[in-house]
Amino acid sequence: MGGVKNRLPCFVAVLSVALITAACGESEPPRVIPEGIPPGAGTPVPEIDVNAVGRTADLLLAWADPQADALNISASALAAYAHAAAVMSDTSRGCGIAWTTLAGIGYIESRHGTYQGSSVAPDGTVSPLIRGIPLDGGPGVAEIPDTDGGVMDGDPVHDRAMGPMQFIPETWKKWGVDANGDGVANPDNLDDAALTAARYLCARGGDLLTAEGWERALMAYNQSGAYLRDVRDAAAAYSVGTAA
């Protein structure tokens, strides 16, 4: 967020159903991933009381569990994305952000909190901590001198992107929000990071149900056309119930 991130590769192919079936001998053809933006909204998120006590994302585990294996997203992570979308639907109805978009970003940024062996705890906390490369102005990397004394990102010289949604400290200090009910806005908690990302995207993009709004939001998150396409491909895959 706010600079060139330690990005991960994303490979999503759209092939002819008939061609795949003929070549692989599959009795059930794979689902075709739709083109265009914004990507589809995916399985509808049930209404929940987002103001209940504790981790309200837990109220979506019964929705997330049946889909987790097919999407290759843990139920805790999937609930975090859906919870963020539910909160925004309750507080910013004009935005229209879908959980699939947040999951697409989470996939590209950290493989849903599993990059390099990390995992997502039941409360949404990701450990070991995920940190990006130093933003030191090297080839293909923005230069962002330290803004937090190394307190948040562990680097007192240059900023680093933090957590499963890869926020830099300066952006997190402005936008970070508590979403799991523990009273702390933590960039290393996927509930907090997903809702913070949703708030940022809605503020920057406006109406994410339009192609213009969705593209504007994603380009504000990362000013890269390749990044936008990677997120779109992952989100589109999730929208039809298949893994990225």
C-alpha atoms as a PDB file:
ATOM      1  CA  MET A   1       0.000   0.000   0.000  1.00  0.00           C
ATOM      2  CA  GLY A   2       1.432   3.334  -1.024  1.00  0.00           C
ATOM      3  CA  GLY A   3       4.487   1.876  -2.780  1.00  0.00           C
ATOM      4  CA  VAL A   4       5.809  -1.050  -4.756  1.00  0.00           C
ATOM      5  CA  LYS A   5       5.106  -4.138  -2.663  1.00  0.00           C
ATOM      6  CA  ASN A   6       6.872  -7.454  -2.318  1.00  0.00           C
ATOM      7  CA  ARG A   7       4.423  -8.918  -4.805  1.00  0.00           C
ATOM      8  CA  LEU A   8       3.718 -12.566  -5.407  1.00  0.00           C
ATOM      9  CA  PRO A   9       2.979 -14.197  -8.768  1.00  0.00           C
ATOM     10  CA  CYS A  10      -0.598 -14.853  -9.806  1.00  0.00           C
ATOM     11  CA  PHE A  11      -1.482 -17.317 -12.547  1.00  0.00           C
ATOM     12  CA  VAL A  12      -5.111 -17.505 -13.659  1.00  0.00           C
ATOM     13  CA  ALA A  13      -5.874 -18.906 -17.093  1.00  0.00           C
ATOM     14  CA  VAL A  14      -9.167 -18.653 -18.973  1.00  0.00           C
ATOM     15  CA  LEU A  15      -9.454 -21.538 -21.423  1.00  0.00           C
ATOM     16  CA  SER A  16     -12.173 -22.958 -23.601  1.00  0.00           C
ATOM     17  CA  VAL A  17     -14.312 -25.414 -21.660  1.00  0.00           C
ATOM     18  CA  ALA A  18     -14.581 -27.704 -24.664  1.00  0.00           C
ATOM     19  CA  LEU A  19     -10.834 -27.636 -25.251  1.00  0.00           C
ATOM     20  CA  ILE A  20     -10.017 -28.476 -21.634  1.00  0.00           C
ATOM     21  CA  THR A  21     -12.597 -31.257 -21.510  1.00  0.00           C
ATOM     22  CA  ALA A  22     -11.348 -32.802 -24.736  1.00  0.00           C
ATOM     23  CA  ALA A  23      -7.680 -32.523 -23.776  1.00  0.00           C
ATOM     24  CA  CYS A  24      -7.955 -33.722 -20.198  1.00  0.00           C
ATOM     25  CA  GLY A  25     -10.825 -36.156 -20.490  1.00  0.00           C
ATOM     26  CA  GLU A  26     -12.673 -34.547 -17.605  1.00  0.00           C
ATOM     27  CA  SER A  27     -16.268 -35.617 -17.145  1.00  0.00           C
ATOM     28  CA  GLU A  28     -17.151 -32.291 -15.485  1.00  0.00           C
ATOM     29  CA  PRO A  29     -15.820 -29.183 -17.243  1.00  0.00           C
ATOM     30  CA  PRO A  30     -14.133 -26.485 -15.133  1.00  0.00           C
ATOM     31  CA  ARG A  31     -15.925 -23.251 -14.455  1.00  0.00           C
ATOM     32  CA  VAL A  32     -15.232 -20.436 -16.874  1.00  0.00           C
ATOM     33  CA  ILE A  33     -13.803 -17.347 -15.171  1.00  0.00           C
ATOM     34  CA  PRO A  34     -15.682 -14.258 -16.378  1.00  0.00           C
ATOM     35  CA  GLU A  35     -13.942 -11.283 -17.916  1.00  0.00           C
ATOM     36  CA  GLY A  36     -14.454  -7.597 -17.202  1.00  0.00           C
ATOM     37  CA  ILE A  37     -14.523  -5.314 -14.190  1.00  0.00           C
ATOM     38  CA  PRO A  38     -15.684  -5.116 -11.563  1.00  0.00           C
ATOM     39  CA  PRO A  39     -15.348  -8.838 -10.840  1.00  0.00           C
ATOM     40  CA  GLY A  40     -18.472 -10.640  -9.646  1.00  0.00           C
ATOM     41  CA  ALA A  41     -19.693 -10.437  -6.060  1.00  0.00           C
ATOM     42  CA  GLY A  42     -19.544 -14.184  -5.415  1.00  0.00           C
ATOM     43  CA  THR A  43     -21.690 -16.053  -2.911  1.00  0.00           C
ATOM     44  CA  PRO A  44     -24.003 -13.559  -1.172  1.00  0.00           C
ATOM     45  CA  VAL A  45     -22.957 -12.703   2.377  1.00  0.00           C
ATOM     46  CA  PRO A  46     -25.772 -13.199   4.901  1.00  0.00           C
ATOM     47  CA  GLU A  47     -26.813 -10.303   7.105  1.00  0.00           C
ATOM     48  CA  ILE A  48     -25.134 -10.277  10.518  1.00  0.00           C
ATOM     49  CA  ASP A  49     -25.018  -7.971  13.513  1.00  0.00           C
ATOM     50  CA  VAL A  50     -21.722  -6.225  12.820  1.00  0.00           C
ATOM     51  CA  ASN A  51     -22.072  -4.371  16.129  1.00  0.00           C
ATOM     52  CA  ALA A  52     -22.216  -7.504  18.281  1.00  0.00           C
ATOM     53  CA  VAL A  53     -19.616  -8.122  20.978  1.00  0.00           C
ATOM     54  CA  GLY A  54     -16.354  -9.863  20.095  1.00  0.00           C
ATOM     55  CA  ARG A  55     -15.152 -11.107  16.728  1.00  0.00           C
ATOM     56  CA  THR A  56     -18.265 -10.605  14.650  1.00  0.00           C
ATOM     57  CA  ALA A  57     -16.556 -12.271  11.679  1.00  0.00           C
ATOM     58  CA  ASP A  58     -17.217 -15.518  13.575  1.00  0.00           C
ATOM     59  CA  LEU A  59     -20.872 -15.052  12.672  1.00  0.00           C
ATOM     60  CA  LEU A  60     -19.857 -15.792   9.077  1.00  0.00           C
ATOM     61  CA  LEU A  61     -17.941 -19.011   9.690  1.00  0.00           C
ATOM     62  CA  ALA A  62     -20.995 -21.115   8.841  1.00  0.00           C
ATOM     63  CA  TRP A  63     -21.085 -19.264   5.499  1.00  0.00           C
ATOM     64  CA  ALA A  64     -17.321 -19.573   4.945  1.00  0.00           C
ATOM     65  CA  ASP A  65     -16.738 -23.217   5.932  1.00  0.00           C
ATOM     66  CA  PRO A  66     -18.541 -24.868   2.982  1.00  0.00           C
ATOM     67  CA  GLN A  67     -16.594 -22.754   0.486  1.00  0.00           C
ATOM     68  CA  ALA A  68     -13.143 -22.747   2.047  1.00  0.00           C
ATOM     69  CA  ASP A  69     -11.723 -25.851   0.371  1.00  0.00           C
ATOM     70  CA  ALA A  70     -12.959 -25.027  -3.128  1.00  0.00           C
ATOM     71  CA  LEU A  71     -11.571 -21.492  -2.904  1.00  0.00           C
ATOM     72  CA  ASN A  72      -8.364 -22.592  -1.139  1.00  0.00           C
ATOM     73  CA  ILE A  73      -8.923 -19.887   1.493  1.00  0.00           C
ATOM     74  CA  SER A  74      -9.098 -20.691   5.197  1.00  0.00           C
ATOM     75  CA  ALA A  75     -12.503 -20.184   6.783  1.00  0.00           C
ATOM     76  CA  SER A  76     -11.067 -17.545   9.131  1.00  0.00           C
ATOM     77  CA  ALA A  77      -9.612 -15.568   6.231  1.00  0.00           C
ATOM     78  CA  LEU A  78     -12.743 -15.905   4.114  1.00  0.00           C
ATOM     79  CA  ALA A  79     -14.887 -14.763   7.040  1.00  0.00           C
ATOM     80  CA  ALA A  80     -12.615 -11.730   7.467  1.00  0.00           C
ATOM     81  CA  TYR A  81     -13.124 -10.636   3.853  1.00  0.00           C
ATOM     82  CA  ALA A  82     -16.880 -11.179   3.998  1.00  0.00           C
ATOM     83  CA  HIS A  83     -17.102  -9.391   7.342  1.00  0.00           C
ATOM     84  CA  ALA A  84     -15.341  -6.339   5.899  1.00  0.00           C
ATOM     85  CA  ALA A  85     -17.779  -6.279   2.984  1.00  0.00           C
ATOM     86  CA  ALA A  86     -20.709  -6.639   5.414  1.00  0.00           C
ATOM     87  CA  VAL A  87     -19.482  -3.741   7.555  1.00  0.00           C
ATOM     88  CA  MET A  88     -19.109  -1.513   4.497  1.00  0.00           C
ATOM     89  CA  SER A  89     -22.567  -2.511   3.288  1.00  0.00           C
ATOM     90  CA  ASP A  90     -23.892  -1.364   6.661  1.00  0.00           C
ATOM     91  CA  THR A  91     -21.875   1.847   6.917  1.00  0.00           C
ATOM     92  CA  SER A  92     -21.143   2.888   3.316  1.00  0.00           C
ATOM     93  CA  ARG A  93     -23.917   1.547   1.113  1.00  0.00           C
ATOM     94  CA  GLY A  94     -22.861   3.615  -1.872  1.00  0.00           C
ATOM     95  CA  CYS A  95     -19.559   1.754  -2.196  1.00  0.00           C
ATOM     96  CA  GLY A  96     -20.685  -1.766  -3.034  1.00  0.00           C
ATOM     97  CA  ILE A  97     -17.337  -3.439  -2.358  1.00  0.00           C
ATOM     98  CA  ALA A  98     -17.525  -7.240  -2.593  1.00  0.00           C
ATOM     99  CA  TRP A  99     -15.651  -9.797  -0.542  1.00  0.00           C
ATOM    100  CA  THR A 100     -14.231 -11.187  -3.777  1.00  0.00           C
ATOM    101  CA  THR A 101     -12.247  -7.993  -4.400  1.00  0.00           C
ATOM    102  CA  LEU A 102     -10.788  -8.075  -0.896  1.00  0.00           C
ATOM    103  CA  ALA A 103      -9.952 -11.754  -1.315  1.00  0.00           C
ATOM    104  CA  GLY A 104      -8.288 -10.989  -4.643  1.00  0.00           C
ATOM    105  CA  ILE A 105      -6.049  -8.440  -2.949  1.00  0.00           C
ATOM    106  CA  GLY A 106      -5.369 -10.800  -0.049  1.00  0.00           C
ATOM    107  CA  TYR A 107      -4.337 -13.507  -2.475  1.00  0.00           C
ATOM    108  CA  ILE A 108      -1.871 -11.314  -4.339  1.00  0.00           C
ATOM    109  CA  GLU A 109      -0.443  -9.658  -1.232  1.00  0.00           C
ATOM    110  CA  SER A 110       0.051 -12.622   1.087  1.00  0.00           C
ATOM    111  CA  ARG A 111      -1.761 -15.721  -0.137  1.00  0.00           C
ATOM    112  CA  HIS A 112      -4.433 -14.929   2.459  1.00  0.00           C
ATOM    113  CA  GLY A 113      -1.968 -14.636   5.301  1.00  0.00           C
ATOM    114  CA  THR A 114      -0.034 -17.808   4.489  1.00  0.00           C
ATOM    115  CA  TYR A 115       3.018 -16.338   2.729  1.00  0.00           C
ATOM    116  CA  GLN A 116       6.272 -18.073   3.735  1.00  0.00           C
ATOM    117  CA  GLY A 117       4.555 -20.359   6.224  1.00  0.00           C
ATOM    118  CA  SER A 118       2.426 -17.830   8.088  1.00  0.00           C
ATOM    119  CA  SER A 119      -1.097 -18.765   9.155  1.00  0.00           C
ATOM    120  CA  VAL A 120      -4.311 -17.078  10.284  1.00  0.00           C
ATOM    121  CA  ALA A 121      -5.423 -17.712  13.865  1.00  0.00           C
ATOM    122  CA  PRO A 122      -9.118 -18.005  14.798  1.00  0.00           C
ATOM    123  CA  ASP A 123      -9.122 -14.345  15.873  1.00  0.00           C
ATOM    124  CA  GLY A 124      -7.712 -13.265  12.496  1.00  0.00           C
ATOM    125  CA  THR A 125      -4.151 -12.649  13.667  1.00  0.00           C
ATOM    126  CA  VAL A 126      -1.429 -13.666  11.207  1.00  0.00           C
ATOM    127  CA  SER A 127       1.846 -15.129  12.431  1.00  0.00           C
ATOM    128  CA  PRO A 128       4.745 -15.195  11.887  1.00  0.00           C
ATOM    129  CA  LEU A 129       4.564 -11.538  10.861  1.00  0.00           C
ATOM    130  CA  ILE A 130       4.606 -10.787   7.136  1.00  0.00           C
ATOM    131  CA  ARG A 131       6.865  -7.905   6.116  1.00  0.00           C
ATOM    132  CA  GLY A 132       7.727  -6.646   2.654  1.00  0.00           C
ATOM    133  CA  ILE A 133      11.134  -5.658   1.352  1.00  0.00           C
ATOM    134  CA  PRO A 134      12.671  -2.315   2.407  1.00  0.00           C
ATOM    135  CA  LEU A 135      11.225   0.508   0.321  1.00  0.00           C
ATOM    136  CA  ASP A 136      14.699   1.847  -0.370  1.00  0.00           C
ATOM    137  CA  GLY A 137      14.404   3.070  -3.953  1.00  0.00           C
ATOM    138  CA  GLY A 138      16.090   0.024  -5.458  1.00  0.00           C
ATOM    139  CA  PRO A 139      15.173  -1.252  -8.938  1.00  0.00           C
ATOM    140  CA  GLY A 140      11.401  -1.281  -9.288  1.00  0.00           C
ATOM    141  CA  VAL A 141      10.909  -0.186  -5.679  1.00  0.00           C
ATOM    142  CA  ALA A 142       9.603   3.127  -4.360  1.00  0.00           C
ATOM    143  CA  GLU A 143      11.760   5.003  -1.856  1.00  0.00           C
ATOM    144  CA  ILE A 144       9.914   5.682   1.403  1.00  0.00           C
ATOM    145  CA  PRO A 145      12.116   6.725   4.332  1.00  0.00           C
ATOM    146  CA  ASP A 146      11.066   5.474   7.751  1.00  0.00           C
ATOM    147  CA  THR A 147       7.895   7.083   9.133  1.00  0.00           C
ATOM    148  CA  ASP A 148       7.371   5.127  12.350  1.00  0.00           C
ATOM    149  CA  GLY A 149      10.822   4.736  13.900  1.00  0.00           C
ATOM    150  CA  GLY A 150      10.635   1.077  13.013  1.00  0.00           C
ATOM    151  CA  VAL A 151       7.983   0.509  15.700  1.00  0.00           C
ATOM    152  CA  MET A 152       5.388  -1.022  13.398  1.00  0.00           C
ATOM    153  CA  ASP A 153       7.387  -2.524  10.548  1.00  0.00           C
ATOM    154  CA  GLY A 154      10.648  -3.315  12.358  1.00  0.00           C
ATOM    155  CA  ASP A 155      12.762  -1.160  10.033  1.00  0.00           C
ATOM    156  CA  PRO A 156      14.101   2.169  11.409  1.00  0.00           C
ATOM    157  CA  VAL A 157      15.615   3.201   8.050  1.00  0.00           C
ATOM    158  CA  HIS A 158      12.942   2.582   5.412  1.00  0.00           C
ATOM    159  CA  ASP A 159       9.268   1.716   5.573  1.00  0.00           C
ATOM    160  CA  ARG A 160       8.113  -1.796   4.753  1.00  0.00           C
ATOM    161  CA  ALA A 161       4.673  -3.065   3.814  1.00  0.00           C
ATOM    162  CA  MET A 162       3.056  -4.873   6.725  1.00  0.00           C
ATOM    163  CA  GLY A 163       0.681  -7.739   7.270  1.00  0.00           C
ATOM    164  CA  PRO A 164      -1.639  -9.796   5.076  1.00  0.00           C
ATOM    165  CA  MET A 165      -2.900  -6.773   3.111  1.00  0.00           C
ATOM    166  CA  GLN A 166       0.548  -5.073   2.963  1.00  0.00           C
ATOM    167  CA  PHE A 167      -0.036  -1.581   4.349  1.00  0.00           C
ATOM    168  CA  ILE A 168       2.866   0.798   4.880  1.00  0.00           C
ATOM    169  CA  PRO A 169       2.998   2.387   8.362  1.00  0.00           C
ATOM    170  CA  GLU A 170       1.980   5.870   7.237  1.00  0.00           C
ATOM    171  CA  THR A 171      -1.157   4.591   5.512  1.00  0.00           C
ATOM    172  CA  TRP A 172      -2.041   2.338   8.421  1.00  0.00           C
ATOM    173  CA  LYS A 173      -1.750   5.175  10.917  1.00  0.00           C
ATOM    174  CA  LYS A 174      -4.332   7.125   8.909  1.00  0.00           C
ATOM    175  CA  TRP A 175      -6.740   4.349   7.959  1.00  0.00           C
ATOM    176  CA  GLY A 176      -6.197   1.450  10.378  1.00  0.00           C
ATOM    177  CA  VAL A 177      -9.295   0.212  12.225  1.00  0.00           C
ATOM    178  CA  ASP A 178     -10.141  -2.511  14.753  1.00  0.00           C
ATOM    179  CA  ALA A 179     -12.486  -5.118  13.258  1.00  0.00           C
ATOM    180  CA  ASN A 180     -12.106  -8.157  15.524  1.00  0.00           C
ATOM    181  CA  GLY A 181     -13.283  -6.460  18.694  1.00  0.00           C
ATOM    182  CA  ASP A 182     -10.054  -6.527  20.690  1.00  0.00           C
ATOM    183  CA  GLY A 183      -9.747  -2.742  20.813  1.00  0.00           C
ATOM    184  CA  VAL A 184      -6.523  -2.600  18.772  1.00  0.00           C
ATOM    185  CA  ALA A 185      -6.077  -1.689  15.099  1.00  0.00           C
ATOM    186  CA  ASN A 186      -3.485  -4.263  14.079  1.00  0.00           C
ATOM    187  CA  PRO A 187      -2.094  -4.523  10.517  1.00  0.00           C
ATOM    188  CA  ASP A 188      -1.136  -8.125  11.286  1.00  0.00           C
ATOM    189  CA  ASN A 189      -4.755  -9.085  11.949  1.00  0.00           C
ATOM    190  CA  LEU A 190      -6.663 -10.033   8.811  1.00  0.00           C
ATOM    191  CA  ASP A 191     -10.004  -8.803  10.165  1.00  0.00           C
ATOM    192  CA  ASP A 192      -8.499  -5.373  10.827  1.00  0.00           C
ATOM    193  CA  ALA A 193      -6.498  -5.308   7.602  1.00  0.00           C
ATOM    194  CA  ALA A 194      -9.418  -6.388   5.393  1.00  0.00           C
ATOM    195  CA  LEU A 195     -11.770  -3.763   6.823  1.00  0.00           C
ATOM    196  CA  THR A 196      -9.061  -1.100   6.597  1.00  0.00           C
ATOM    197  CA  ALA A 197      -8.491  -2.029   2.948  1.00  0.00           C
ATOM    198  CA  ALA A 198     -12.234  -1.876   2.301  1.00  0.00           C
ATOM    199  CA  ARG A 199     -12.495   1.589   3.871  1.00  0.00           C
ATOM    200  CA  TYR A 200      -9.548   2.837   1.839  1.00  0.00           C
ATOM    201  CA  LEU A 201     -10.834   1.382  -1.427  1.00  0.00           C
ATOM    202  CA  CYS A 202     -14.306   2.827  -0.916  1.00  0.00           C
ATOM    203  CA  ALA A 203     -12.922   6.254  -0.074  1.00  0.00           C
ATOM    204  CA  ARG A 204     -10.675   6.293  -3.129  1.00  0.00           C
ATOM    205  CA  GLY A 205     -12.945   4.583  -5.646  1.00  0.00           C
ATOM    206  CA  GLY A 206     -16.424   5.768  -4.720  1.00  0.00           C
ATOM    207  CA  ASP A 207     -18.898   3.384  -6.354  1.00  0.00           C
ATOM    208  CA  LEU A 208     -17.064   0.080  -6.802  1.00  0.00           C
ATOM    209  CA  LEU A 209     -20.042  -1.397  -8.635  1.00  0.00           C
ATOM    210  CA  THR A 210     -18.915   0.594 -11.661  1.00  0.00           C
ATOM    211  CA  ALA A 211     -15.885  -0.246 -13.773  1.00  0.00           C
ATOM    212  CA  GLU A 212     -14.545   3.283 -13.329  1.00  0.00           C
ATOM    213  CA  GLY A 213     -14.897   3.247  -9.547  1.00  0.00           C
ATOM    214  CA  TRP A 214     -13.380  -0.213  -9.168  1.00  0.00           C
ATOM    215  CA  GLU A 215     -10.397   0.625 -11.361  1.00  0.00           C
ATOM    216  CA  ARG A 216      -9.861   3.938  -9.548  1.00  0.00           C
ATOM    217  CA  ALA A 217      -9.879   2.169  -6.176  1.00  0.00           C
ATOM    218  CA  LEU A 218      -7.420  -0.537  -7.217  1.00  0.00           C
ATOM    219  CA  MET A 219      -5.048   1.942  -8.832  1.00  0.00           C
ATOM    220  CA  ALA A 220      -5.052   3.932  -5.590  1.00  0.00           C
ATOM    221  CA  TYR A 221      -4.152   0.763  -3.698  1.00  0.00           C
ATOM    222  CA  ASN A 222      -1.300  -0.015  -6.083  1.00  0.00           C
ATOM    223  CA  GLN A 223      -0.497   2.073  -9.156  1.00  0.00           C
ATOM    224  CA  SER A 224       0.138  -0.868 -11.442  1.00  0.00           C
ATOM    225  CA  GLY A 225      -1.950  -2.127 -14.311  1.00  0.00           C
ATOM    226  CA  ALA A 226      -0.462  -5.598 -13.869  1.00  0.00           C
ATOM    227  CA  TYR A 227      -1.478  -5.560 -10.200  1.00  0.00           C
ATOM    228  CA  LEU A 228      -5.029  -4.562 -11.121  1.00  0.00           C
ATOM    229  CA  ARG A 229      -5.272  -7.422 -13.624  1.00  0.00           C
ATOM    230  CA  ASP A 230      -3.898  -9.956 -11.133  1.00  0.00           C
ATOM    231  CA  VAL A 231      -6.392  -8.908  -8.470  1.00  0.00           C
ATOM    232  CA  ARG A 232      -9.208  -8.941 -10.996  1.00  0.00           C
ATOM    233  CA  ASP A 233      -8.335 -12.452 -12.149  1.00  0.00           C
ATOM    234  CA  ALA A 234      -8.216 -13.808  -8.602  1.00  0.00           C
ATOM    235  CA  ALA A 235     -11.444 -12.055  -7.597  1.00  0.00           C
ATOM    236  CA  ALA A 236     -13.199 -13.280 -10.735  1.00  0.00           C
ATOM    237  CA  ALA A 237     -12.179 -16.845  -9.939  1.00  0.00           C
ATOM    238  CA  TYR A 238     -13.613 -16.553  -6.438  1.00  0.00           C
ATOM    239  CA  SER A 239     -16.794 -15.080  -7.867  1.00  0.00           C
ATOM    240  CA  VAL A 240     -17.591 -18.392  -9.581  1.00  0.00           C
ATOM    241  CA  GLY A 241     -16.528 -20.553  -6.655  1.00  0.00           C
ATOM    242  CA  THR A 242     -13.077 -21.683  -7.744  1.00  0.00           C
ATOM    243  CA  ALA A 243      -9.556 -21.059  -6.480  1.00  0.00           C
ATOM    244  CA  ALA A 244      -7.255 -18.427  -7.939  1.00  0.00           C
END
